[in-house]
N, C-alpha and C. Protein backbone atom coordinates (compact mmCIF):
# COMPACT_ATOMS: atom_id res chain seq x y z
N MET A 1 -16.26 3.09 -6.81
CA MET A 1 -14.99 3.03 -6.11
C MET A 1 -14.22 4.36 -6.24
N ILE A 2 -14.47 5.10 -7.33
CA ILE A 2 -13.76 6.37 -7.54
C ILE A 2 -14.10 7.36 -6.43
N TYR A 3 -15.35 7.32 -5.95
CA TYR A 3 -15.74 8.22 -4.86
C TYR A 3 -15.00 7.88 -3.58
N PHE A 4 -14.83 6.60 -3.34
CA PHE A 4 -14.10 6.16 -2.15
C PHE A 4 -12.66 6.69 -2.17
N TRP A 5 -11.98 6.48 -3.30
CA TRP A 5 -10.58 6.90 -3.38
C TRP A 5 -10.45 8.42 -3.38
N ALA A 6 -11.40 9.11 -3.99
CA ALA A 6 -11.36 10.58 -3.93
C ALA A 6 -11.50 11.04 -2.49
N PHE A 7 -12.40 10.42 -1.74
CA PHE A 7 -12.58 10.77 -0.33
C PHE A 7 -11.33 10.46 0.49
N VAL A 8 -10.76 9.30 0.29
CA VAL A 8 -9.59 8.88 1.07
C VAL A 8 -8.38 9.76 0.75
N ILE A 9 -8.11 9.98 -0.53
CA ILE A 9 -6.93 10.77 -0.92
C ILE A 9 -7.11 12.23 -0.53
N GLY A 10 -8.28 12.81 -0.82
CA GLY A 10 -8.54 14.20 -0.41
C GLY A 10 -8.46 14.36 1.09
N GLY A 11 -9.01 13.39 1.82
CA GLY A 11 -8.92 13.42 3.28
C GLY A 11 -7.50 13.28 3.78
N ALA A 12 -6.70 12.45 3.11
CA ALA A 12 -5.30 12.28 3.51
C ALA A 12 -4.52 13.57 3.32
N ILE A 13 -4.80 14.29 2.24
CA ILE A 13 -4.12 15.58 2.03
C ILE A 13 -4.52 16.55 3.14
N CYS A 14 -5.79 16.54 3.52
CA CYS A 14 -6.25 17.40 4.62
C CYS A 14 -5.62 16.99 5.95
N VAL A 15 -5.45 15.70 6.16
CA VAL A 15 -4.80 15.21 7.39
C VAL A 15 -3.36 15.69 7.44
N ILE A 16 -2.68 15.66 6.31
CA ILE A 16 -1.30 16.16 6.26
C ILE A 16 -1.27 17.64 6.66
N GLY A 17 -2.21 18.41 6.12
CA GLY A 17 -2.29 19.83 6.50
C GLY A 17 -2.57 20.01 7.98
N GLN A 18 -3.46 19.20 8.53
CA GLN A 18 -3.78 19.31 9.95
C GLN A 18 -2.60 18.91 10.82
N ILE A 19 -1.83 17.92 10.39
CA ILE A 19 -0.63 17.52 11.12
C ILE A 19 0.39 18.67 11.12
N CYS A 20 0.48 19.37 10.00
CA CYS A 20 1.39 20.53 9.93
C CYS A 20 0.98 21.58 10.97
N PHE A 21 -0.34 21.79 11.13
CA PHE A 21 -0.83 22.73 12.14
C PHE A 21 -0.53 22.25 13.55
N ASP A 22 -0.95 21.02 13.85
CA ASP A 22 -0.95 20.53 15.23
C ASP A 22 0.42 20.07 15.73
N VAL A 23 1.12 19.32 14.91
CA VAL A 23 2.39 18.72 15.34
C VAL A 23 3.56 19.67 15.11
N PHE A 24 3.63 20.22 13.92
CA PHE A 24 4.77 21.07 13.58
C PHE A 24 4.54 22.54 13.88
N LYS A 25 3.32 22.88 14.32
CA LYS A 25 2.95 24.25 14.71
C LYS A 25 3.18 25.25 13.59
N LEU A 26 2.93 24.82 12.35
CA LEU A 26 3.04 25.74 11.21
C LEU A 26 1.77 26.57 11.12
N ASP A 27 1.91 27.80 10.68
CA ASP A 27 0.71 28.62 10.50
C ASP A 27 0.10 28.30 9.13
N PRO A 28 -1.11 28.80 8.85
CA PRO A 28 -1.78 28.46 7.60
C PRO A 28 -0.97 28.81 6.34
N ALA A 29 -0.27 29.93 6.36
CA ALA A 29 0.50 30.32 5.18
C ALA A 29 1.63 29.33 4.90
N HIS A 30 2.33 28.90 5.94
CA HIS A 30 3.42 27.94 5.74
C HIS A 30 2.87 26.58 5.30
N THR A 31 1.75 26.18 5.87
CA THR A 31 1.15 24.90 5.50
C THR A 31 0.70 24.92 4.05
N MET A 32 0.04 26.00 3.66
CA MET A 32 -0.42 26.12 2.28
C MET A 32 0.77 26.10 1.32
N THR A 33 1.82 26.82 1.65
CA THR A 33 3.01 26.85 0.81
C THR A 33 3.63 25.47 0.69
N LEU A 34 3.70 24.76 1.79
CA LEU A 34 4.26 23.41 1.80
C LEU A 34 3.46 22.49 0.87
N LEU A 35 2.14 22.56 0.93
CA LEU A 35 1.30 21.70 0.10
C LEU A 35 1.37 22.09 -1.38
N VAL A 36 1.43 23.38 -1.67
CA VAL A 36 1.57 23.82 -3.07
C VAL A 36 2.91 23.35 -3.63
N VAL A 37 3.97 23.51 -2.87
CA VAL A 37 5.30 23.09 -3.33
C VAL A 37 5.34 21.57 -3.49
N ALA A 38 4.70 20.83 -2.61
CA ALA A 38 4.66 19.37 -2.74
C ALA A 38 3.95 18.97 -4.03
N GLY A 39 2.85 19.63 -4.35
CA GLY A 39 2.16 19.36 -5.61
C GLY A 39 3.00 19.72 -6.82
N ALA A 40 3.73 20.83 -6.72
CA ALA A 40 4.60 21.25 -7.82
C ALA A 40 5.73 20.25 -8.04
N ILE A 41 6.33 19.81 -6.97
CA ILE A 41 7.42 18.83 -7.08
C ILE A 41 6.90 17.52 -7.65
N ALA A 42 5.73 17.08 -7.18
CA ALA A 42 5.15 15.84 -7.68
C ALA A 42 4.87 15.93 -9.18
N ASP A 43 4.39 17.09 -9.65
CA ASP A 43 4.16 17.25 -11.09
C ASP A 43 5.47 17.31 -11.85
N GLY A 44 6.46 17.98 -11.30
CA GLY A 44 7.76 18.04 -11.95
C GLY A 44 8.39 16.67 -12.12
N LEU A 45 8.10 15.77 -11.19
CA LEU A 45 8.62 14.41 -11.28
C LEU A 45 7.71 13.49 -12.09
N GLY A 46 6.59 14.04 -12.57
CA GLY A 46 5.66 13.24 -13.37
C GLY A 46 4.75 12.34 -12.56
N LEU A 47 4.59 12.64 -11.28
CA LEU A 47 3.79 11.78 -10.40
C LEU A 47 2.36 12.27 -10.19
N TYR A 48 2.09 13.54 -10.44
CA TYR A 48 0.78 14.08 -10.08
C TYR A 48 -0.32 13.70 -11.06
N ASP A 49 -0.03 13.60 -12.35
CA ASP A 49 -1.06 13.21 -13.31
C ASP A 49 -1.57 11.79 -13.05
N PRO A 50 -0.70 10.82 -12.81
CA PRO A 50 -1.22 9.49 -12.45
C PRO A 50 -2.00 9.52 -11.13
N PHE A 51 -1.59 10.39 -10.23
CA PHE A 51 -2.28 10.56 -8.95
C PHE A 51 -3.71 11.07 -9.19
N ILE A 52 -3.88 12.03 -10.10
CA ILE A 52 -5.20 12.54 -10.45
C ILE A 52 -6.02 11.45 -11.15
N GLN A 53 -5.40 10.69 -12.02
CA GLN A 53 -6.11 9.60 -12.69
C GLN A 53 -6.64 8.59 -11.68
N PHE A 54 -5.90 8.34 -10.62
CA PHE A 54 -6.31 7.37 -9.60
C PHE A 54 -7.36 7.97 -8.66
N ALA A 55 -7.12 9.17 -8.16
CA ALA A 55 -7.95 9.72 -7.09
C ALA A 55 -9.00 10.72 -7.58
N GLY A 56 -8.97 11.13 -8.81
CA GLY A 56 -9.96 12.07 -9.33
C GLY A 56 -9.97 13.37 -8.55
N ALA A 57 -11.16 13.77 -8.09
CA ALA A 57 -11.31 15.04 -7.38
C ALA A 57 -10.55 15.06 -6.06
N GLY A 58 -10.25 13.90 -5.51
CA GLY A 58 -9.47 13.85 -4.27
C GLY A 58 -8.07 14.40 -4.44
N ALA A 59 -7.58 14.40 -5.68
CA ALA A 59 -6.26 14.95 -5.96
C ALA A 59 -6.33 16.26 -6.73
N SER A 60 -7.43 16.50 -7.45
CA SER A 60 -7.50 17.70 -8.27
C SER A 60 -8.12 18.89 -7.56
N VAL A 61 -8.80 18.69 -6.45
CA VAL A 61 -9.45 19.79 -5.73
C VAL A 61 -8.56 20.42 -4.66
N PRO A 62 -7.80 19.66 -3.87
CA PRO A 62 -6.99 20.29 -2.80
C PRO A 62 -5.92 21.24 -3.33
N ILE A 63 -5.33 21.99 -2.43
CA ILE A 63 -4.35 23.02 -2.77
C ILE A 63 -3.11 22.45 -3.46
N THR A 64 -2.83 21.17 -3.27
CA THR A 64 -1.69 20.57 -3.95
C THR A 64 -1.86 20.63 -5.46
N SER A 65 -3.10 20.62 -5.93
CA SER A 65 -3.36 20.69 -7.35
C SER A 65 -2.97 22.05 -7.94
N PHE A 66 -2.98 23.09 -7.12
CA PHE A 66 -2.55 24.41 -7.61
C PHE A 66 -1.07 24.37 -7.97
N GLY A 67 -0.26 23.75 -7.14
CA GLY A 67 1.16 23.59 -7.46
C GLY A 67 1.35 22.76 -8.72
N ASN A 68 0.54 21.72 -8.84
CA ASN A 68 0.56 20.90 -10.04
C ASN A 68 0.25 21.74 -11.27
N ALA A 69 -0.79 22.57 -11.20
CA ALA A 69 -1.19 23.40 -12.34
C ALA A 69 -0.11 24.39 -12.71
N LEU A 70 0.55 24.99 -11.73
CA LEU A 70 1.62 25.95 -12.01
C LEU A 70 2.75 25.30 -12.81
N VAL A 71 3.22 24.17 -12.33
CA VAL A 71 4.34 23.51 -12.99
C VAL A 71 3.92 22.91 -14.32
N HIS A 72 2.72 22.33 -14.36
CA HIS A 72 2.23 21.71 -15.59
C HIS A 72 2.14 22.75 -16.72
N GLY A 73 1.55 23.89 -16.40
CA GLY A 73 1.44 24.96 -17.40
C GLY A 73 2.79 25.49 -17.84
N ALA A 74 3.69 25.66 -16.89
CA ALA A 74 5.02 26.17 -17.22
C ALA A 74 5.78 25.20 -18.11
N LEU A 75 5.71 23.91 -17.82
CA LEU A 75 6.43 22.92 -18.62
C LEU A 75 5.84 22.78 -20.02
N GLU A 76 4.51 22.84 -20.13
CA GLU A 76 3.88 22.75 -21.45
C GLU A 76 4.28 23.93 -22.34
N GLU A 77 4.22 25.13 -21.78
CA GLU A 77 4.57 26.32 -22.56
C GLU A 77 6.07 26.42 -22.82
N LEU A 78 6.88 25.88 -21.92
CA LEU A 78 8.32 25.85 -22.16
C LEU A 78 8.63 25.05 -23.42
N LYS A 79 7.94 23.93 -23.59
CA LYS A 79 8.16 23.10 -24.77
C LYS A 79 7.72 23.80 -26.05
N SER A 80 6.60 24.54 -25.98
CA SER A 80 6.07 25.13 -27.21
C SER A 80 6.59 26.55 -27.48
N SER A 81 6.91 27.32 -26.42
CA SER A 81 7.27 28.73 -26.63
C SER A 81 8.69 29.07 -26.18
N GLY A 82 9.38 28.15 -25.59
CA GLY A 82 10.72 28.44 -25.10
C GLY A 82 10.70 29.03 -23.70
N GLY A 83 11.74 29.75 -23.35
CA GLY A 83 11.93 30.28 -22.00
C GLY A 83 10.81 31.18 -21.52
N ILE A 84 10.27 32.01 -22.39
CA ILE A 84 9.19 32.91 -21.97
C ILE A 84 7.94 32.11 -21.59
N GLY A 85 7.84 30.90 -22.11
CA GLY A 85 6.70 30.04 -21.80
C GLY A 85 6.59 29.65 -20.34
N ILE A 86 7.72 29.71 -19.64
CA ILE A 86 7.67 29.40 -18.21
C ILE A 86 6.75 30.38 -17.49
N ILE A 87 6.87 31.64 -17.83
CA ILE A 87 6.04 32.67 -17.18
C ILE A 87 4.62 32.65 -17.73
N THR A 88 4.48 32.62 -19.04
CA THR A 88 3.13 32.67 -19.63
C THR A 88 2.33 31.41 -19.33
N GLY A 89 2.99 30.28 -19.24
CA GLY A 89 2.30 29.02 -18.96
C GLY A 89 1.68 28.99 -17.58
N ILE A 90 2.35 29.59 -16.62
CA ILE A 90 1.81 29.65 -15.26
C ILE A 90 0.49 30.40 -15.25
N PHE A 91 0.45 31.53 -15.94
CA PHE A 91 -0.76 32.34 -15.93
C PHE A 91 -1.85 31.76 -16.83
N LYS A 92 -1.46 31.10 -17.89
CA LYS A 92 -2.43 30.52 -18.81
C LYS A 92 -3.29 29.47 -18.11
N VAL A 93 -2.68 28.66 -17.29
CA VAL A 93 -3.40 27.57 -16.64
C VAL A 93 -4.14 28.02 -15.38
N THR A 94 -3.58 28.94 -14.63
CA THR A 94 -4.15 29.29 -13.32
C THR A 94 -4.92 30.60 -13.29
N SER A 95 -4.99 31.31 -14.40
CA SER A 95 -5.61 32.64 -14.38
C SER A 95 -7.08 32.60 -14.00
N ALA A 96 -7.82 31.60 -14.43
CA ALA A 96 -9.24 31.52 -14.08
C ALA A 96 -9.43 31.36 -12.58
N GLY A 97 -8.64 30.50 -11.95
CA GLY A 97 -8.75 30.30 -10.51
C GLY A 97 -8.34 31.52 -9.72
N ILE A 98 -7.28 32.18 -10.14
CA ILE A 98 -6.82 33.38 -9.45
C ILE A 98 -7.85 34.50 -9.61
N SER A 99 -8.39 34.65 -10.81
CA SER A 99 -9.41 35.67 -11.04
C SER A 99 -10.66 35.41 -10.21
N ALA A 100 -11.08 34.17 -10.15
CA ALA A 100 -12.26 33.82 -9.35
C ALA A 100 -12.03 34.12 -7.88
N ALA A 101 -10.85 33.82 -7.38
CA ALA A 101 -10.55 34.11 -5.97
C ALA A 101 -10.62 35.60 -5.68
N ILE A 102 -10.10 36.40 -6.58
CA ILE A 102 -10.14 37.86 -6.40
C ILE A 102 -11.58 38.38 -6.45
N ILE A 103 -12.33 37.94 -7.45
CA ILE A 103 -13.71 38.41 -7.62
C ILE A 103 -14.59 37.99 -6.44
N PHE A 104 -14.52 36.72 -6.05
CA PHE A 104 -15.36 36.25 -4.94
C PHE A 104 -14.94 36.86 -3.62
N SER A 105 -13.66 37.12 -3.43
CA SER A 105 -13.21 37.79 -2.21
C SER A 105 -13.76 39.21 -2.15
N PHE A 106 -13.74 39.90 -3.28
CA PHE A 106 -14.29 41.24 -3.32
C PHE A 106 -15.79 41.23 -3.04
N MET A 107 -16.50 40.29 -3.66
CA MET A 107 -17.94 40.20 -3.42
C MET A 107 -18.26 39.89 -1.96
N ALA A 108 -17.48 39.02 -1.35
CA ALA A 108 -17.68 38.70 0.06
C ALA A 108 -17.43 39.93 0.93
N SER A 109 -16.45 40.75 0.55
CA SER A 109 -16.14 41.93 1.35
C SER A 109 -17.26 42.96 1.31
N LEU A 110 -18.10 42.92 0.30
CA LEU A 110 -19.23 43.84 0.23
C LEU A 110 -20.34 43.49 1.22
N PHE A 111 -20.45 42.22 1.57
CA PHE A 111 -21.55 41.76 2.39
C PHE A 111 -21.17 41.38 3.81
N VAL A 112 -19.89 41.23 4.09
CA VAL A 112 -19.44 40.78 5.41
C VAL A 112 -18.62 41.88 6.06
N LYS A 113 -18.94 42.18 7.28
CA LYS A 113 -18.16 43.15 8.04
C LYS A 113 -17.25 42.40 8.99
N PRO A 114 -15.95 42.66 8.94
CA PRO A 114 -15.03 41.95 9.84
C PRO A 114 -15.23 42.37 11.28
N LYS A 115 -15.01 41.42 12.15
CA LYS A 115 -15.07 41.74 13.58
C LYS A 115 -13.72 42.31 13.97
N GLY A 116 -13.73 43.35 14.73
CA GLY A 116 -12.45 43.93 15.05
C GLY A 116 -12.49 44.67 16.27
């Protein structure tokens, strides 16, 4: 049943993104920002962790999880390190994903020539 809910929840997040494109005519950057902020707000309210427990990868893989990770890391480090923890916590949790995006983008640029 976990696969079913992961599919449904992950698909629902994608449908929300597609609605932002088609109905509200938002560009990809605005849509991505909206979904990241929604995930951040949900984590700030304590709603995203139960959401991940219910939906598994359906909630932890989409871009909303990045917002969750930013806020989650900042709040954890705020408790343990004080005010500076807000900044360090963000990087502590998301640095692997950001580094991977940079490295893989660079590697792709070596092999793919843009059409122009």
